[in-house]
Amino acid sequence: MNLEQIQEKIISDFDFEKVMNILEKLNEEYEKEDLINNVKGLVKMAYLSREMEDVSFSSGHFIINRSYYEGEEVQYDLSFLLEVNANLNYELEKPFETKNINEKEALLKKKLEELLLININANKEENDNYIYEANIQRIERMIEILD
């Protein structure tokens, strides 16, 4: 299906009258055409997104999801959302031990640097041994990741 066909199908299947009634009860004034244009834009964003990846976009009270199933079928879902939230923040009795994680990373990096030096020296002694060269590259990559 092309973009216009998908937009038409989603819009024809969606109950905009129900949405308009809900918005009216919430004292939110929208024109139906504005809602339709909003949906068209969402469908277009989902349609133009990278193929074979599930995507989700939202705008105003609408959210569109595009999903692929087993590489054979694509599904578009349009939803009208009203958010009702509750939030709670509080201090932890005991903070996370990030210090221990940082200390472990530093210790691991130090050990890797020692191992790197051992492999560099062994490689020099054995005249460019491929195993040591591979080890050196892997260890250097691990150290980069830790940095």
Protein backbone atom coordinates (compact mmCIF):
# COMPACT_ATOMS: atom_id res chain seq x y z
CA MET A 1 0.00 0.00 0.00
CA ASN A 2 1.16 3.52 -0.62
CA LEU A 3 1.12 6.38 1.89
CA GLU A 4 -2.20 7.85 0.77
CA GLN A 5 -3.94 4.48 0.92
CA ILE A 6 -2.68 3.84 4.43
CA GLN A 7 -3.75 7.32 5.56
CA GLU A 8 -7.22 6.90 4.06
CA LYS A 9 -7.70 3.45 5.62
CA ILE A 10 -6.56 4.54 9.10
CA ILE A 11 -8.72 7.68 8.97
CA SER A 12 -11.81 5.85 7.70
CA ASP A 13 -11.48 3.16 10.40
CA PHE A 14 -10.92 5.63 13.24
CA ASP A 15 -13.87 7.01 15.24
CA PHE A 16 -13.16 10.75 15.16
CA GLU A 17 -16.67 11.53 16.42
CA LYS A 18 -15.96 9.71 19.67
CA VAL A 19 -12.68 11.62 20.01
CA MET A 20 -14.45 14.92 19.36
CA ASN A 21 -17.03 14.08 22.06
CA ILE A 22 -14.31 13.29 24.60
CA LEU A 23 -12.39 16.46 23.79
CA GLU A 24 -15.58 18.51 24.01
CA LYS A 25 -16.29 17.13 27.50
CA LEU A 26 -12.77 18.18 28.48
CA ASN A 27 -13.43 21.68 27.13
CA GLU A 28 -10.76 21.23 24.49
CA GLU A 29 -11.75 22.70 21.17
CA TYR A 30 -10.47 21.04 18.02
CA GLU A 31 -11.68 20.97 14.46
CA LYS A 32 -12.10 17.49 13.04
CA GLU A 33 -10.01 18.46 10.02
CA ASP A 34 -7.13 19.48 12.32
CA LEU A 35 -7.25 16.08 14.02
CA ILE A 36 -7.28 14.34 10.64
CA ASN A 37 -4.28 16.38 9.46
CA ASN A 38 -2.48 15.49 12.69
CA VAL A 39 -3.12 11.79 12.03
CA LYS A 40 -1.99 12.11 8.42
CA GLY A 41 1.30 13.59 9.62
CA LEU A 42 1.82 10.76 12.10
CA VAL A 43 1.08 8.11 9.49
CA LYS A 44 3.53 9.81 7.13
CA MET A 45 6.30 9.80 9.77
CA ALA A 46 5.74 6.10 10.45
CA TYR A 47 5.54 5.30 6.74
CA LEU A 48 8.77 7.12 5.89
CA SER A 49 10.75 5.62 8.78
CA ARG A 50 13.36 2.94 8.18
CA GLU A 51 11.80 -0.25 6.92
CA MET A 52 11.69 -3.39 9.04
CA GLU A 53 11.95 -1.43 12.29
CA ASP A 54 9.07 -1.00 14.68
CA VAL A 55 8.40 2.68 15.30
CA SER A 56 6.14 4.81 17.42
CA PHE A 57 5.33 8.50 17.08
CA SER A 58 3.02 10.75 19.05
CA SER A 59 1.50 14.15 18.54
CA GLY A 60 -1.09 15.77 20.72
CA HIS A 61 -3.43 13.05 21.95
CA PHE A 62 -2.52 10.61 19.16
CA ILE A 63 0.08 7.90 18.90
CA ILE A 64 0.86 5.77 15.86
CA ASN A 65 2.74 2.47 15.99
CA ARG A 66 4.09 0.58 13.03
CA SER A 67 5.14 -3.02 13.57
CA TYR A 68 6.49 -5.74 11.34
CA TYR A 69 5.64 -9.40 11.84
CA GLU A 70 8.07 -12.07 10.61
CA GLY A 71 9.09 -9.91 7.66
CA GLU A 72 5.80 -10.65 5.91
CA GLU A 73 3.24 -8.29 7.37
CA VAL A 74 3.16 -4.68 8.54
CA GLN A 75 0.63 -3.27 10.98
CA TYR A 76 -0.26 0.35 11.75
CA ASP A 77 -2.08 1.14 15.01
CA LEU A 78 -3.53 4.56 15.77
CA SER A 79 -4.54 5.36 19.33
CA PHE A 80 -6.13 8.32 21.06
CA LEU A 81 -4.60 8.81 24.49
CA LEU A 82 -5.49 10.73 27.59
CA GLU A 83 -2.80 10.58 30.21
CA VAL A 84 -3.59 10.35 33.87
CA ASN A 85 -0.42 10.11 35.89
CA ALA A 86 0.78 9.82 39.44
CA ASN A 87 4.41 10.44 40.31
CA LEU A 88 6.35 9.66 43.44
CA ASN A 89 9.90 10.64 44.31
CA TYR A 90 11.65 9.84 47.55
CA GLU A 91 15.18 9.48 48.87
CA LEU A 92 16.56 5.99 49.19
CA GLU A 93 17.44 4.73 52.62
CA LYS A 94 20.76 3.56 51.25
CA PRO A 95 22.17 5.10 48.06
CA PHE A 96 23.37 2.93 45.21
CA GLU A 97 26.97 1.88 45.50
CA THR A 98 28.26 3.57 42.36
CA LYS A 99 31.59 4.11 44.07
CA ASN A 100 32.21 0.36 44.10
CA ILE A 101 31.37 0.13 40.41
CA ASN A 102 33.81 2.93 39.58
CA GLU A 103 36.50 1.31 41.71
CA LYS A 104 35.96 -2.03 39.98
CA GLU A 105 36.20 -0.39 36.56
CA ALA A 106 39.45 1.33 37.56
CA LEU A 107 40.88 -1.94 38.87
CA LEU A 108 39.80 -3.77 35.70
CA LYS A 109 41.39 -1.08 33.54
CA LYS A 110 44.64 -1.31 35.54
CA LYS A 111 44.72 -5.11 35.13
CA LEU A 112 44.03 -4.80 31.40
CA GLU A 113 46.84 -2.28 31.04
CA GLU A 114 49.19 -4.71 32.82
CA LEU A 115 48.05 -7.51 30.52
CA LEU A 116 48.55 -5.24 27.53
CA LEU A 117 52.14 -4.53 28.57
CA ILE A 118 52.83 -8.27 29.01
CA ASN A 119 51.48 -8.98 25.51
CA ILE A 120 53.45 -6.09 23.96
CA ASN A 121 56.69 -7.34 25.53
CA ALA A 122 55.99 -10.96 24.53
CA ASN A 123 55.21 -9.83 20.98
CA LYS A 124 58.56 -8.02 20.75
CA GLU A 125 60.40 -11.09 22.03
CA GLU A 126 58.72 -13.43 19.53
CA ASN A 127 59.07 -11.16 16.51
CA ASP A 128 55.49 -10.09 15.80
CA ASN A 129 53.52 -13.18 16.81
CA TYR A 130 49.97 -12.97 15.41
CA ILE A 131 48.40 -14.28 18.62
CA TYR A 132 50.01 -11.54 20.68
CA GLU A 133 49.03 -8.94 18.09
CA ALA A 134 45.40 -10.10 18.25
CA ASN A 135 45.51 -10.02 22.05
CA ILE A 136 46.94 -6.50 21.98
CA GLN A 137 44.15 -5.28 19.70
CA ARG A 138 41.45 -6.89 21.86
CA ILE A 139 42.88 -5.52 25.09
CA GLU A 140 43.22 -2.03 23.61
CA ARG A 141 39.57 -2.20 22.53
CA MET A 142 38.50 -3.25 26.05
CA ILE A 143 40.44 -0.34 27.55
CA GLU A 144 38.75 2.05 25.07
CA ILE A 145 35.35 0.76 26.15
CA LEU A 146 36.18 1.36 29.81
CA ASP A 147 37.27 4.93 29.03
